[in-house]
Amino acid sequence: MGIQILLALLGAAALIRGGYLMITTVKPIQWLWSGVWLAAGIVVHDAVIAPVTLLLGRVLRPGNAVRFGWLTAGTFVLLSVPLIQGAAVRRNPTVIPDRPWVSLLISLALVAAGVTAAFGFRSVMRRDRDGTPTPSPAPRPE
């Protein structure tokens, strides 16, 4: 229960900081479009990400690693959309100095590697728990 309270407090702190930054750094003329972007994120989550995740959970019966990977990858894609769009029309290359597509692909590859590592770890742990002998390392010549 303590971790849930900690995560809720961290989330509330992030919301407060984001609201403060929105008010102090974003021009009021852009508040409407920022609100539209936030609302679109909620709609995409509720209309696409959540149902697909539930469907994957029902059909594939994946472990927590796959659910985590799917949600993390979806979040990365959603957060990268404004960067990718902004990089296409940027006037100052130092604002978004790198190619956002490359960063997104690297992030998605890291998520895939993490999910794969979690599956490997889980299968090794399951094999040890079931009593199936794990292969011992080859003897070293002396």
N, C-alpha and C. Protein backbone atom coordinates (compact mmCIF):
# COMPACT_ATOMS: atom_id res chain seq x y z
N MET A 1 0.82 -1.20 0.00
CA MET A 1 0.00 0.00 0.00
C MET A 1 0.86 1.26 0.00
N GLY A 2 2.03 1.21 0.63
CA GLY A 2 2.89 2.38 0.71
C GLY A 2 3.41 2.83 -0.64
N ILE A 3 3.71 1.86 -1.53
CA ILE A 3 4.22 2.21 -2.86
C ILE A 3 3.14 2.91 -3.68
N GLN A 4 1.89 2.52 -3.48
CA GLN A 4 0.80 3.17 -4.21
C GLN A 4 0.65 4.62 -3.79
N ILE A 5 0.78 4.87 -2.51
CA ILE A 5 0.68 6.26 -2.02
C ILE A 5 1.86 7.07 -2.56
N LEU A 6 3.05 6.48 -2.54
CA LEU A 6 4.22 7.17 -3.07
C LEU A 6 4.04 7.51 -4.54
N LEU A 7 3.56 6.54 -5.33
CA LEU A 7 3.34 6.79 -6.76
C LEU A 7 2.26 7.85 -6.98
N ALA A 8 1.22 7.83 -6.17
CA ALA A 8 0.17 8.85 -6.28
C ALA A 8 0.73 10.23 -5.96
N LEU A 9 1.56 10.33 -4.94
CA LEU A 9 2.17 11.61 -4.60
C LEU A 9 3.12 12.09 -5.70
N LEU A 10 3.90 11.17 -6.27
CA LEU A 10 4.77 11.55 -7.38
C LEU A 10 3.97 12.02 -8.59
N GLY A 11 2.87 11.34 -8.87
CA GLY A 11 2.00 11.76 -9.97
C GLY A 11 1.39 13.13 -9.73
N ALA A 12 0.94 13.37 -8.49
CA ALA A 12 0.37 14.68 -8.16
C ALA A 12 1.43 15.77 -8.27
N ALA A 13 2.65 15.47 -7.82
CA ALA A 13 3.73 16.46 -7.93
C ALA A 13 4.05 16.75 -9.39
N ALA A 14 4.04 15.72 -10.24
CA ALA A 14 4.30 15.94 -11.67
C ALA A 14 3.20 16.78 -12.29
N LEU A 15 1.96 16.54 -11.91
CA LEU A 15 0.85 17.35 -12.44
C LEU A 15 0.96 18.80 -12.00
N ILE A 16 1.30 19.01 -10.75
CA ILE A 16 1.43 20.38 -10.25
C ILE A 16 2.57 21.10 -10.97
N ARG A 17 3.70 20.42 -11.11
CA ARG A 17 4.84 21.03 -11.81
C ARG A 17 4.49 21.31 -13.28
N GLY A 18 3.83 20.36 -13.93
CA GLY A 18 3.42 20.57 -15.32
C GLY A 18 2.46 21.74 -15.47
N GLY A 19 1.51 21.86 -14.55
CA GLY A 19 0.58 22.99 -14.58
C GLY A 19 1.30 24.32 -14.38
N TYR A 20 2.25 24.32 -13.43
CA TYR A 20 3.03 25.54 -13.19
C TYR A 20 3.83 25.93 -14.43
N LEU A 21 4.50 24.95 -15.03
CA LEU A 21 5.28 25.25 -16.24
C LEU A 21 4.39 25.69 -17.38
N MET A 22 3.22 25.11 -17.47
CA MET A 22 2.28 25.50 -18.53
C MET A 22 1.89 26.98 -18.38
N ILE A 23 1.60 27.36 -17.15
CA ILE A 23 1.16 28.74 -16.92
C ILE A 23 2.31 29.73 -17.09
N THR A 24 3.51 29.34 -16.68
CA THR A 24 4.62 30.30 -16.68
C THR A 24 5.42 30.32 -17.98
N THR A 25 5.41 29.26 -18.77
CA THR A 25 6.27 29.23 -19.95
C THR A 25 5.52 29.19 -21.28
N VAL A 26 4.30 28.72 -21.28
CA VAL A 26 3.54 28.62 -22.53
C VAL A 26 2.72 29.88 -22.72
N LYS A 27 2.75 30.41 -23.93
CA LYS A 27 1.97 31.61 -24.21
C LYS A 27 0.48 31.28 -24.10
N PRO A 28 -0.32 32.20 -23.56
CA PRO A 28 -1.76 31.92 -23.41
C PRO A 28 -2.45 31.55 -24.72
N ILE A 29 -1.94 32.04 -25.84
CA ILE A 29 -2.56 31.71 -27.12
C ILE A 29 -2.42 30.22 -27.43
N GLN A 30 -1.41 29.57 -26.85
CA GLN A 30 -1.17 28.15 -27.10
C GLN A 30 -1.86 27.24 -26.09
N TRP A 31 -2.49 27.80 -25.09
CA TRP A 31 -3.15 26.98 -24.08
C TRP A 31 -4.26 26.13 -24.68
N LEU A 32 -5.00 26.68 -25.62
CA LEU A 32 -6.09 25.92 -26.23
C LEU A 32 -5.55 24.68 -26.94
N TRP A 33 -4.48 24.85 -27.75
CA TRP A 33 -3.93 23.71 -28.47
C TRP A 33 -3.28 22.71 -27.53
N SER A 34 -2.70 23.21 -26.45
CA SER A 34 -2.14 22.29 -25.46
C SER A 34 -3.25 21.47 -24.81
N GLY A 35 -4.37 22.13 -24.53
CA GLY A 35 -5.52 21.41 -23.98
C GLY A 35 -6.07 20.39 -24.96
N VAL A 36 -6.11 20.75 -26.24
CA VAL A 36 -6.56 19.81 -27.26
C VAL A 36 -5.62 18.60 -27.31
N TRP A 37 -4.32 18.86 -27.22
CA TRP A 37 -3.34 17.76 -27.25
C TRP A 37 -3.54 16.84 -26.04
N LEU A 38 -3.73 17.41 -24.86
CA LEU A 38 -3.96 16.60 -23.67
C LEU A 38 -5.25 15.80 -23.78
N ALA A 39 -6.31 16.44 -24.28
CA ALA A 39 -7.58 15.74 -24.46
C ALA A 39 -7.45 14.62 -25.49
N ALA A 40 -6.70 14.88 -26.56
CA ALA A 40 -6.49 13.84 -27.57
C ALA A 40 -5.74 12.65 -26.98
N GLY A 41 -4.79 12.91 -26.09
CA GLY A 41 -4.08 11.82 -25.43
C GLY A 41 -5.03 10.96 -24.61
N ILE A 42 -5.97 11.58 -23.93
CA ILE A 42 -6.95 10.82 -23.15
C ILE A 42 -7.85 10.00 -24.07
N VAL A 43 -8.28 10.62 -25.16
CA VAL A 43 -9.16 9.91 -26.11
C VAL A 43 -8.42 8.73 -26.74
N VAL A 44 -7.17 8.95 -27.16
CA VAL A 44 -6.40 7.85 -27.76
C VAL A 44 -6.20 6.74 -26.73
N HIS A 45 -5.93 7.10 -25.50
CA HIS A 45 -5.76 6.07 -24.46
C HIS A 45 -7.04 5.27 -24.28
N ASP A 46 -8.17 5.99 -24.11
CA ASP A 46 -9.43 5.30 -23.82
C ASP A 46 -10.01 4.59 -25.04
N ALA A 47 -9.75 5.10 -26.24
CA ALA A 47 -10.34 4.50 -27.44
C ALA A 47 -9.44 3.48 -28.11
N VAL A 48 -8.12 3.57 -27.90
CA VAL A 48 -7.21 2.66 -28.62
C VAL A 48 -6.36 1.83 -27.66
N ILE A 49 -5.56 2.50 -26.84
CA ILE A 49 -4.57 1.77 -26.03
C ILE A 49 -5.24 0.84 -25.03
N ALA A 50 -6.19 1.33 -24.26
CA ALA A 50 -6.82 0.48 -23.24
C ALA A 50 -7.57 -0.70 -23.85
N PRO A 51 -8.41 -0.50 -24.88
CA PRO A 51 -9.09 -1.68 -25.45
C PRO A 51 -8.13 -2.69 -26.08
N VAL A 52 -7.09 -2.21 -26.77
CA VAL A 52 -6.14 -3.15 -27.38
C VAL A 52 -5.39 -3.91 -26.30
N THR A 53 -5.03 -3.23 -25.23
CA THR A 53 -4.35 -3.90 -24.13
C THR A 53 -5.24 -4.95 -23.50
N LEU A 54 -6.51 -4.62 -23.28
CA LEU A 54 -7.45 -5.61 -22.74
C LEU A 54 -7.62 -6.79 -23.69
N LEU A 55 -7.71 -6.50 -24.97
CA LEU A 55 -7.86 -7.57 -25.96
C LEU A 55 -6.62 -8.47 -25.98
N LEU A 56 -5.45 -7.86 -25.95
CA LEU A 56 -4.22 -8.65 -25.90
C LEU A 56 -4.18 -9.51 -24.63
N GLY A 57 -4.63 -8.95 -23.52
CA GLY A 57 -4.66 -9.70 -22.28
C GLY A 57 -5.60 -10.88 -22.33
N ARG A 58 -6.73 -10.73 -23.01
CA ARG A 58 -7.71 -11.82 -23.11
C ARG A 58 -7.28 -12.89 -24.09
N VAL A 59 -6.75 -12.46 -25.23
CA VAL A 59 -6.43 -13.40 -26.31
C VAL A 59 -5.09 -14.09 -26.07
N LEU A 60 -4.06 -13.30 -25.78
CA LEU A 60 -2.72 -13.85 -25.70
C LEU A 60 -2.33 -14.33 -24.31
N ARG A 61 -3.01 -13.84 -23.30
CA ARG A 61 -2.66 -14.13 -21.92
C ARG A 61 -1.18 -13.84 -21.64
N PRO A 62 -0.73 -12.64 -22.01
CA PRO A 62 0.68 -12.34 -21.82
C PRO A 62 1.00 -12.10 -20.35
N GLY A 63 2.25 -12.13 -20.03
CA GLY A 63 2.67 -11.81 -18.68
C GLY A 63 2.75 -10.31 -18.48
N ASN A 64 3.16 -9.94 -17.30
CA ASN A 64 3.27 -8.52 -16.98
C ASN A 64 4.28 -7.81 -17.87
N ALA A 65 5.29 -8.53 -18.31
CA ALA A 65 6.32 -7.90 -19.14
C ALA A 65 5.73 -7.41 -20.46
N VAL A 66 4.87 -8.20 -21.08
CA VAL A 66 4.27 -7.79 -22.36
C VAL A 66 3.33 -6.60 -22.15
N ARG A 67 2.55 -6.65 -21.08
CA ARG A 67 1.67 -5.51 -20.80
C ARG A 67 2.49 -4.24 -20.57
N PHE A 68 3.54 -4.37 -19.79
CA PHE A 68 4.41 -3.22 -19.53
C PHE A 68 5.02 -2.72 -20.84
N GLY A 69 5.49 -3.63 -21.67
CA GLY A 69 6.08 -3.25 -22.94
C GLY A 69 5.10 -2.53 -23.85
N TRP A 70 3.88 -3.07 -23.93
CA TRP A 70 2.86 -2.46 -24.78
C TRP A 70 2.53 -1.05 -24.29
N LEU A 71 2.30 -0.89 -23.00
CA LEU A 71 1.94 0.42 -22.47
C LEU A 71 3.10 1.41 -22.58
N THR A 72 4.30 0.94 -22.33
CA THR A 72 5.46 1.83 -22.44
C THR A 72 5.69 2.25 -23.88
N ALA A 73 5.60 1.30 -24.81
CA ALA A 73 5.79 1.64 -26.22
C ALA A 73 4.71 2.61 -26.69
N GLY A 74 3.47 2.38 -26.29
CA GLY A 74 2.39 3.30 -26.66
C GLY A 74 2.61 4.69 -26.10
N THR A 75 3.09 4.77 -24.87
CA THR A 75 3.37 6.07 -24.27
C THR A 75 4.50 6.78 -25.02
N PHE A 76 5.55 6.04 -25.36
CA PHE A 76 6.66 6.64 -26.11
C PHE A 76 6.18 7.17 -27.45
N VAL A 77 5.34 6.41 -28.13
CA VAL A 77 4.85 6.85 -29.44
C VAL A 77 4.00 8.12 -29.28
N LEU A 78 3.11 8.13 -28.30
CA LEU A 78 2.27 9.31 -28.10
C LEU A 78 3.10 10.54 -27.74
N LEU A 79 4.10 10.36 -26.90
CA LEU A 79 4.92 11.51 -26.50
C LEU A 79 5.83 11.99 -27.63
N SER A 80 6.14 11.11 -28.57
CA SER A 80 7.05 11.51 -29.65
C SER A 80 6.33 12.21 -30.80
N VAL A 81 5.03 12.10 -30.88
CA VAL A 81 4.30 12.72 -31.99
C VAL A 81 4.56 14.22 -32.09
N PRO A 82 4.46 15.00 -31.00
CA PRO A 82 4.73 16.43 -31.16
C PRO A 82 6.19 16.73 -31.50
N LEU A 83 7.11 15.90 -31.00
CA LEU A 83 8.51 16.11 -31.35
C LEU A 83 8.76 15.86 -32.82
N ILE A 84 8.16 14.80 -33.33
CA ILE A 84 8.34 14.47 -34.75
C ILE A 84 7.70 15.54 -35.62
N GLN A 85 6.51 15.97 -35.24
CA GLN A 85 5.84 17.01 -36.00
C GLN A 85 6.61 18.33 -35.91
N GLY A 86 7.10 18.66 -34.73
CA GLY A 86 7.84 19.90 -34.54
C GLY A 86 9.16 19.90 -35.29
N ALA A 87 9.80 18.73 -35.36
CA ALA A 87 11.08 18.65 -36.06
C ALA A 87 10.91 18.85 -37.56
N ALA A 88 9.74 18.52 -38.08
CA ALA A 88 9.50 18.66 -39.52
C ALA A 88 9.40 20.13 -39.93
N VAL A 89 8.95 20.98 -39.02
CA VAL A 89 8.73 22.38 -39.38
C VAL A 89 9.61 23.34 -38.59
N ARG A 90 10.64 22.85 -37.95
CA ARG A 90 11.47 23.70 -37.09
C ARG A 90 12.26 24.71 -37.90
N ARG A 91 12.37 25.87 -37.35
CA ARG A 91 13.18 26.92 -37.99
C ARG A 91 14.56 26.96 -37.35
N ASN A 92 14.64 26.54 -36.10
CA ASN A 92 15.89 26.57 -35.37
C ASN A 92 16.27 25.12 -35.03
N PRO A 93 17.32 24.57 -35.65
CA PRO A 93 17.64 23.16 -35.43
C PRO A 93 18.12 22.84 -34.02
N THR A 94 18.40 23.86 -33.20
CA THR A 94 18.84 23.57 -31.83
C THR A 94 17.66 23.31 -30.90
N VAL A 95 16.45 23.62 -31.33
CA VAL A 95 15.28 23.39 -30.48
C VAL A 95 15.03 21.89 -30.33
N ILE A 96 15.03 21.19 -31.42
CA ILE A 96 14.97 19.72 -31.41
C ILE A 96 16.21 19.27 -32.18
N PRO A 97 17.34 19.11 -31.48
CA PRO A 97 18.61 18.93 -32.17
C PRO A 97 18.79 17.57 -32.84
N ASP A 98 18.09 16.57 -32.42
CA ASP A 98 18.29 15.24 -32.96
C ASP A 98 17.11 14.86 -33.84
N ARG A 99 17.22 13.74 -34.51
CA ARG A 99 16.10 13.23 -35.28
C ARG A 99 15.20 12.43 -34.36
N PRO A 100 13.98 12.89 -34.11
CA PRO A 100 13.11 12.21 -33.15
C PRO A 100 12.77 10.78 -33.55
N TRP A 101 12.74 10.47 -34.85
CA TRP A 101 12.45 9.10 -35.28
C TRP A 101 13.50 8.14 -34.76
N VAL A 102 14.76 8.57 -34.80
CA VAL A 102 15.85 7.72 -34.32
C VAL A 102 15.70 7.48 -32.82
N SER A 103 15.43 8.54 -32.09
CA SER A 103 15.25 8.41 -30.64
C SER A 103 14.08 7.49 -30.32
N LEU A 104 12.99 7.62 -31.06
CA LEU A 104 11.83 6.77 -30.82
C LEU A 104 12.16 5.30 -31.10
N LEU A 105 12.83 5.05 -32.21
CA LEU A 105 13.18 3.66 -32.54
C LEU A 105 14.14 3.06 -31.52
N ILE A 106 15.08 3.85 -31.04
CA ILE A 106 16.00 3.35 -30.00
C ILE A 106 15.23 3.04 -28.72
N SER A 107 14.31 3.93 -28.35
CA SER A 107 13.50 3.70 -27.14
C SER A 107 12.66 2.44 -27.28
N LEU A 108 12.04 2.25 -28.43
CA LEU A 108 11.23 1.05 -28.63
C LEU A 108 12.08 -0.21 -28.64
N ALA A 109 13.29 -0.12 -29.18
CA ALA A 109 14.19 -1.28 -29.16
C ALA A 109 14.60 -1.62 -27.73
N LEU A 110 14.83 -0.60 -26.91
CA LEU A 110 15.18 -0.86 -25.51
C LEU A 110 14.01 -1.50 -24.75
N VAL A 111 12.79 -1.05 -25.04
CA VAL A 111 11.63 -1.66 -24.41
C VAL A 111 11.52 -3.13 -24.83
N ALA A 112 11.70 -3.40 -26.12
CA ALA A 112 11.64 -4.79 -26.62
C ALA A 112 12.72 -5.64 -25.97
N ALA A 113 13.92 -5.09 -25.82
CA ALA A 113 15.00 -5.83 -25.18
C ALA A 113 14.67 -6.12 -23.72
N GLY A 114 14.07 -5.15 -23.04
CA GLY A 114 13.68 -5.36 -21.64
C GLY A 114 12.62 -6.44 -21.50
N VAL A 115 11.63 -6.43 -22.40
CA VAL A 115 10.58 -7.45 -22.36
C VAL A 115 11.18 -8.82 -22.64
N THR A 116 12.07 -8.89 -23.61
CA THR A 116 12.73 -10.17 -23.92
C THR A 116 13.56 -10.67 -22.74
N ALA A 117 14.28 -9.77 -22.10
CA ALA A 117 15.08 -10.16 -20.93
C ALA A 117 14.17 -10.64 -19.80
N ALA A 118 13.03 -9.98 -19.61
CA ALA A 118 12.11 -10.41 -18.56
C ALA A 118 11.56 -11.80 -18.85
N PHE A 119 11.25 -12.08 -20.13
CA PHE A 119 10.79 -13.43 -20.49
C PHE A 119 11.88 -14.46 -20.22
N GLY A 120 13.10 -14.15 -20.60
CA GLY A 120 14.21 -15.08 -20.36
C GLY A 120 14.42 -15.33 -18.88
N PHE A 121 14.38 -14.27 -18.09
CA PHE A 121 14.54 -14.41 -16.64
C PHE A 121 13.42 -15.24 -16.06
N ARG A 122 12.20 -14.98 -16.51
CA ARG A 122 11.04 -15.72 -15.99
C ARG A 122 11.12 -17.20 -16.35
N SER A 123 11.57 -17.50 -17.56
CA SER A 123 11.65 -18.92 -17.94
C SER A 123 12.74 -19.63 -17.16
N VAL A 124 13.86 -18.95 -16.88
CA VAL A 124 14.91 -19.56 -16.06
C VAL A 124 14.41 -19.78 -14.64
N MET A 125 13.74 -18.81 -14.09
CA MET A 125 13.22 -18.95 -12.73
C MET A 125 12.16 -20.06 -12.66
N ARG A 126 11.32 -20.16 -13.66
CA ARG A 126 10.29 -21.19 -13.69
C ARG A 126 10.94 -22.57 -13.79
N ARG A 127 11.98 -22.69 -14.60
CA ARG A 127 12.67 -23.96 -14.75
C ARG A 127 13.31 -24.37 -13.42
N ASP A 128 13.89 -23.42 -12.70
CA ASP A 128 14.49 -23.72 -11.40
C ASP A 128 13.44 -24.13 -10.38
N ARG A 129 12.30 -23.49 -10.40
CA ARG A 129 11.23 -23.79 -9.45
C ARG A 129 10.60 -25.15 -9.72
N ASP A 130 10.49 -25.52 -10.98
CA ASP A 130 9.87 -26.79 -11.34
C ASP A 130 10.75 -27.99 -11.02
N GLY A 131 11.98 -27.74 -10.68
CA GLY A 131 12.88 -28.85 -10.37
C GLY A 131 13.61 -29.37 -11.58
N THR A 132 13.35 -28.80 -12.72
CA THR A 132 14.08 -29.22 -13.91
C THR A 132 15.52 -28.74 -13.76
N PRO A 133 16.45 -29.63 -13.91
CA PRO A 133 17.84 -29.20 -13.71
C PRO A 133 18.26 -28.19 -14.77
N THR A 134 18.94 -27.19 -14.31
CA THR A 134 19.50 -26.24 -15.25
C THR A 134 20.88 -26.74 -15.65
N PRO A 135 21.24 -26.55 -16.89
CA PRO A 135 22.54 -27.06 -17.32
C PRO A 135 23.67 -26.42 -16.52
N SER A 136 24.56 -27.25 -16.07
CA SER A 136 25.70 -26.71 -15.31
C SER A 136 26.77 -26.27 -16.29
N PRO A 137 27.60 -25.35 -15.87
CA PRO A 137 28.65 -24.91 -16.77
C PRO A 137 29.63 -26.05 -17.04
N ALA A 138 30.26 -25.97 -18.18
CA ALA A 138 31.24 -26.99 -18.56
C ALA A 138 32.40 -26.97 -17.58
N PRO A 139 32.91 -28.15 -17.23
CA PRO A 139 34.03 -28.17 -16.29
C PRO A 139 35.27 -27.51 -16.91
N ARG A 140 36.00 -26.82 -16.06
CA ARG A 140 37.21 -26.15 -16.52
C ARG A 140 38.39 -27.12 -16.46
N PRO A 141 39.20 -27.11 -17.48
CA PRO A 141 40.38 -27.97 -17.41
C PRO A 141 41.37 -27.43 -16.39
N GLU A 142 41.95 -28.33 -15.63
CA GLU A 142 42.88 -27.89 -14.59
C GLU A 142 44.29 -28.16 -14.96
